[in-house]
Amino acid sequence: MGEYIAVLLPSIGVGLIFWFTMRALFRADRGERRAQEAVNRDQADAEKWYQDLKARQSGGRGSARSGSDEHQDAPRS
């Protein structure tokens, strides 16, 4: 009986190492996907905020704007 255990023990050990490694990889991937989703949400919120800000700044000036005015940092009075 001890011979069978001695023969199977290395395979069981390698199998457990493989299982723990794969589990760690899948958990890390899941965490990375969650973090990427959070970044994408934040980026979409920032883009929406920027578009709203741009619309508010150009709201009272009419629609005759030149292309060079789009990249101006400070709002005009």
C-alpha atoms as a PDB file:
ATOM      1  CA  MET A   1       0.000   0.000   0.000  1.00  0.00           C
ATOM      2  CA  GLY A   2       2.868   2.375   0.825  1.00  0.00           C
ATOM      3  CA  GLU A   3       4.295   1.820  -2.647  1.00  0.00           C
ATOM      4  CA  TYR A   4       1.127   3.165  -4.265  1.00  0.00           C
ATOM      5  CA  ILE A   5       1.228   6.279  -2.097  1.00  0.00           C
ATOM      6  CA  ALA A   6       4.903   6.807  -2.920  1.00  0.00           C
ATOM      7  CA  VAL A   7       4.119   6.534  -6.623  1.00  0.00           C
ATOM      8  CA  LEU A   8       1.072   8.839  -6.540  1.00  0.00           C
ATOM      9  CA  LEU A   9       2.414  11.473  -4.137  1.00  0.00           C
ATOM     10  CA  PRO A  10       4.618  13.364  -6.677  1.00  0.00           C
ATOM     11  CA  SER A  11       1.751  13.556  -9.176  1.00  0.00           C
ATOM     12  CA  ILE A  12      -0.634  14.785  -6.492  1.00  0.00           C
ATOM     13  CA  GLY A  13       1.924  17.380  -5.382  1.00  0.00           C
ATOM     14  CA  VAL A  14       2.444  18.679  -8.919  1.00  0.00           C
ATOM     15  CA  GLY A  15      -1.325  18.738  -9.431  1.00  0.00           C
ATOM     16  CA  LEU A  16      -1.826  20.805  -6.284  1.00  0.00           C
ATOM     17  CA  ILE A  17       0.916  23.250  -7.282  1.00  0.00           C
ATOM     18  CA  PHE A  18      -0.711  23.613 -10.703  1.00  0.00           C
ATOM     19  CA  TRP A  19      -4.147  24.117  -9.129  1.00  0.00           C
ATOM     20  CA  PHE A  20      -2.921  26.832  -6.722  1.00  0.00           C
ATOM     21  CA  THR A  21      -1.051  28.586  -9.533  1.00  0.00           C
ATOM     22  CA  MET A  22      -4.072  28.609 -11.836  1.00  0.00           C
ATOM     23  CA  ARG A  23      -6.329  29.785  -9.013  1.00  0.00           C
ATOM     24  CA  ALA A  24      -3.975  32.691  -8.307  1.00  0.00           C
ATOM     25  CA  LEU A  25      -3.860  33.617 -11.993  1.00  0.00           C
ATOM     26  CA  PHE A  26      -7.640  33.590 -12.349  1.00  0.00           C
ATOM     27  CA  ARG A  27      -8.101  35.668  -9.209  1.00  0.00           C
ATOM     28  CA  ALA A  28      -5.528  38.197 -10.404  1.00  0.00           C
ATOM     29  CA  ASP A  29      -7.250  38.401 -13.794  1.00  0.00           C
ATOM     30  CA  ARG A  30     -10.622  38.956 -12.127  1.00  0.00           C
ATOM     31  CA  GLY A  31      -9.149  41.749 -10.013  1.00  0.00           C
ATOM     32  CA  GLU A  32      -7.520  43.342 -13.041  1.00  0.00           C
ATOM     33  CA  ARG A  33     -10.810  43.288 -14.945  1.00  0.00           C
ATOM     34  CA  ARG A  34     -12.597  44.971 -12.031  1.00  0.00           C
ATOM     35  CA  ALA A  35      -9.904  47.647 -11.852  1.00  0.00           C
ATOM     36  CA  GLN A  36     -10.100  48.237 -15.612  1.00  0.00           C
ATOM     37  CA  GLU A  37     -13.892  48.604 -15.423  1.00  0.00           C
ATOM     38  CA  ALA A  38     -13.468  51.199 -12.664  1.00  0.00           C
ATOM     39  CA  VAL A  39     -10.936  53.114 -14.765  1.00  0.00           C
ATOM     40  CA  ASN A  40     -13.260  53.017 -17.774  1.00  0.00           C
ATOM     41  CA  ARG A  41     -16.164  54.315 -15.661  1.00  0.00           C
ATOM     42  CA  ASP A  42     -14.012  57.126 -14.269  1.00  0.00           C
ATOM     43  CA  GLN A  43     -12.786  58.005 -17.743  1.00  0.00           C
ATOM     44  CA  ALA A  44     -16.353  58.126 -19.075  1.00  0.00           C
ATOM     45  CA  ASP A  45     -17.373  60.355 -16.146  1.00  0.00           C
ATOM     46  CA  ALA A  46     -14.431  62.669 -16.821  1.00  0.00           C
ATOM     47  CA  GLU A  47     -15.300  62.854 -20.525  1.00  0.00           C
ATOM     48  CA  LYS A  48     -18.936  63.671 -19.698  1.00  0.00           C
ATOM     49  CA  TRP A  49     -17.809  66.335 -17.230  1.00  0.00           C
ATOM     50  CA  TYR A  50     -15.506  67.865 -19.837  1.00  0.00           C
ATOM     51  CA  GLN A  51     -18.229  67.904 -22.488  1.00  0.00           C
ATOM     52  CA  ASP A  52     -20.663  69.538 -20.024  1.00  0.00           C
ATOM     53  CA  LEU A  53     -18.036  72.119 -19.096  1.00  0.00           C
ATOM     54  CA  LYS A  54     -17.335  72.875 -22.743  1.00  0.00           C
ATOM     55  CA  ALA A  55     -21.064  73.259 -23.422  1.00  0.00           C
ATOM     56  CA  ARG A  56     -21.493  75.624 -20.458  1.00  0.00           C
ATOM     57  CA  GLN A  57     -18.519  77.752 -21.486  1.00  0.00           C
ATOM     58  CA  SER A  58     -19.716  78.099 -25.058  1.00  0.00           C
ATOM     59  CA  GLY A  59     -23.398  78.468 -24.106  1.00  0.00           C
ATOM     60  CA  GLY A  60     -23.778  82.266 -24.199  1.00  0.00           C
ATOM     61  CA  ARG A  61     -21.405  83.083 -27.049  1.00  0.00           C
ATOM     62  CA  GLY A  62     -23.290  81.782 -30.047  1.00  0.00           C
ATOM     63  CA  SER A  63     -22.108  79.131 -32.437  1.00  0.00           C
ATOM     64  CA  ALA A  64     -19.537  81.154 -34.408  1.00  0.00           C
ATOM     65  CA  ARG A  65     -16.366  79.764 -32.876  1.00  0.00           C
ATOM     66  CA  SER A  66     -13.130  79.164 -34.668  1.00  0.00           C
ATOM     67  CA  GLY A  67     -11.250  75.891 -34.329  1.00  0.00           C
ATOM     68  CA  SER A  68      -8.406  77.489 -32.367  1.00  0.00           C
ATOM     69  CA  ASP A  69     -10.771  78.557 -29.562  1.00  0.00           C
ATOM     70  CA  GLU A  70     -11.521  74.943 -28.626  1.00  0.00           C
ATOM     71  CA  HIS A  71      -8.195  74.377 -26.907  1.00  0.00           C
ATOM     72  CA  GLN A  72      -8.196  77.507 -24.771  1.00  0.00           C
ATOM     73  CA  ASP A  73      -7.567  76.766 -21.084  1.00  0.00           C
ATOM     74  CA  ALA A  74      -9.049  79.814 -19.362  1.00  0.00           C
ATOM     75  CA  PRO A  75     -12.729  80.723 -19.787  1.00  0.00           C
ATOM     76  CA  ARG A  76     -13.463  84.070 -21.417  1.00  0.00           C
ATOM     77  CA  SER A  77     -15.550  86.747 -19.704  1.00  0.00           C
END
